[in-house]
Amino acid sequence: MHLLEGHYWGMHTIWWMIWVIFMIWLFFTPWDIPGQKTKKETPLDLLKKRYAKGEINKKEYNHIREDLQI
């Protein structure tokens, strides 16, 4: 019954705080874990971005899009 007598209570609290901080850090750190369901950009998404930025014109966009869909 050491906790009731006041022994180790401070160290016990500190260890719990360390574990909680570690768990928060572990779960909220962005890791690229294999098998994790994250949305990766497809080639068509990248093509749409290039067209939206004006890097390619409509004719190039349609030509590349047809190539990607084959």
C-alpha atoms as a PDB file:
ATOM      1  CA  MET A   1       0.000   0.000   0.000  1.00  0.00           C
ATOM      2  CA  HIS A   2       2.819   2.357  -0.834  1.00  0.00           C
ATOM      3  CA  LEU A   3       0.550   4.657  -2.840  1.00  0.00           C
ATOM      4  CA  LEU A   4      -1.642   5.363   0.149  1.00  0.00           C
ATOM      5  CA  GLU A   5       1.351   6.212   2.283  1.00  0.00           C
ATOM      6  CA  GLY A   6       2.586   8.733  -0.272  1.00  0.00           C
ATOM      7  CA  HIS A   7       5.593   6.757  -1.475  1.00  0.00           C
ATOM      8  CA  TYR A   8       6.344   6.709  -5.219  1.00  0.00           C
ATOM      9  CA  TRP A   9       3.247   8.773  -6.072  1.00  0.00           C
ATOM     10  CA  GLY A  10       5.261  11.537  -7.768  1.00  0.00           C
ATOM     11  CA  MET A  11       7.361   9.159  -9.852  1.00  0.00           C
ATOM     12  CA  HIS A  12       4.274   7.134 -10.774  1.00  0.00           C
ATOM     13  CA  THR A  13       2.605  10.284 -12.122  1.00  0.00           C
ATOM     14  CA  ILE A  14       5.698  11.279 -14.077  1.00  0.00           C
ATOM     15  CA  TRP A  15       5.912   7.871 -15.741  1.00  0.00           C
ATOM     16  CA  TRP A  16       2.244   8.027 -16.749  1.00  0.00           C
ATOM     17  CA  MET A  17       2.798  11.498 -18.219  1.00  0.00           C
ATOM     18  CA  ILE A  18       5.804  10.210 -20.188  1.00  0.00           C
ATOM     19  CA  TRP A  19       3.744   7.298 -21.575  1.00  0.00           C
ATOM     20  CA  VAL A  20       0.843   9.573 -22.536  1.00  0.00           C
ATOM     21  CA  ILE A  21       3.167  12.011 -24.309  1.00  0.00           C
ATOM     22  CA  PHE A  22       4.865   9.114 -26.107  1.00  0.00           C
ATOM     23  CA  MET A  23       1.526   7.682 -27.269  1.00  0.00           C
ATOM     24  CA  ILE A  24       0.322  11.068 -28.500  1.00  0.00           C
ATOM     25  CA  TRP A  25       3.581  11.541 -30.386  1.00  0.00           C
ATOM     26  CA  LEU A  26       3.398   8.014 -31.822  1.00  0.00           C
ATOM     27  CA  PHE A  27      -0.165   8.324 -33.118  1.00  0.00           C
ATOM     28  CA  PHE A  28      -0.005  11.895 -34.400  1.00  0.00           C
ATOM     29  CA  THR A  29       3.365  11.759 -36.155  1.00  0.00           C
ATOM     30  CA  PRO A  30       2.822  11.379 -39.916  1.00  0.00           C
ATOM     31  CA  TRP A  31       4.478   8.092 -40.841  1.00  0.00           C
ATOM     32  CA  ASP A  32       4.432   6.548 -44.311  1.00  0.00           C
ATOM     33  CA  ILE A  33       3.522   3.072 -43.112  1.00  0.00           C
ATOM     34  CA  PRO A  34       3.288   0.318 -45.750  1.00  0.00           C
ATOM     35  CA  GLY A  35      -0.285  -0.864 -46.125  1.00  0.00           C
ATOM     36  CA  GLN A  36      -1.671   2.355 -44.682  1.00  0.00           C
ATOM     37  CA  LYS A  37      -4.657   3.653 -46.594  1.00  0.00           C
ATOM     38  CA  THR A  38      -3.431   7.001 -47.855  1.00  0.00           C
ATOM     39  CA  LYS A  39      -4.556   8.497 -51.106  1.00  0.00           C
ATOM     40  CA  LYS A  40      -1.711   8.581 -53.582  1.00  0.00           C
ATOM     41  CA  GLU A  41      -1.954  10.819 -56.601  1.00  0.00           C
ATOM     42  CA  THR A  42      -2.689   8.953 -59.806  1.00  0.00           C
ATOM     43  CA  PRO A  43      -1.090   9.928 -63.117  1.00  0.00           C
ATOM     44  CA  LEU A  44      -4.457  11.353 -64.181  1.00  0.00           C
ATOM     45  CA  ASP A  45      -4.530  13.554 -61.049  1.00  0.00           C
ATOM     46  CA  LEU A  46      -1.064  14.870 -61.877  1.00  0.00           C
ATOM     47  CA  LEU A  47      -2.147  15.519 -65.458  1.00  0.00           C
ATOM     48  CA  LYS A  48      -5.164  17.490 -64.278  1.00  0.00           C
ATOM     49  CA  LYS A  49      -2.929  19.607 -62.035  1.00  0.00           C
ATOM     50  CA  ARG A  50      -0.547  20.345 -64.907  1.00  0.00           C
ATOM     51  CA  TYR A  51      -3.481  21.399 -67.088  1.00  0.00           C
ATOM     52  CA  ALA A  52      -4.914  23.565 -64.306  1.00  0.00           C
ATOM     53  CA  LYS A  53      -1.540  25.290 -63.824  1.00  0.00           C
ATOM     54  CA  GLY A  54      -1.343  26.013 -67.556  1.00  0.00           C
ATOM     55  CA  GLU A  55       1.750  23.877 -68.118  1.00  0.00           C
ATOM     56  CA  ILE A  56       0.029  22.033 -70.991  1.00  0.00           C
ATOM     57  CA  ASN A  57      -2.731  23.022 -73.365  1.00  0.00           C
ATOM     58  CA  LYS A  58      -6.055  21.273 -73.989  1.00  0.00           C
ATOM     59  CA  LYS A  59      -4.779  19.336 -77.004  1.00  0.00           C
ATOM     60  CA  GLU A  60      -1.812  17.950 -75.026  1.00  0.00           C
ATOM     61  CA  TYR A  61      -4.078  17.190 -72.071  1.00  0.00           C
ATOM     62  CA  ASN A  62      -6.512  15.185 -74.208  1.00  0.00           C
ATOM     63  CA  HIS A  63      -3.689  13.321 -75.981  1.00  0.00           C
ATOM     64  CA  ILE A  64      -1.951  12.307 -72.742  1.00  0.00           C
ATOM     65  CA  ARG A  65      -5.281  11.433 -71.078  1.00  0.00           C
ATOM     66  CA  GLU A  66      -6.126   9.065 -73.955  1.00  0.00           C
ATOM     67  CA  ASP A  67      -2.699   7.438 -73.610  1.00  0.00           C
ATOM     68  CA  LEU A  68      -3.218   6.945 -69.864  1.00  0.00           C
ATOM     69  CA  GLN A  69      -6.664   5.402 -70.269  1.00  0.00           C
ATOM     70  CA  ILE A  70      -5.474   2.732 -72.719  1.00  0.00           C
END
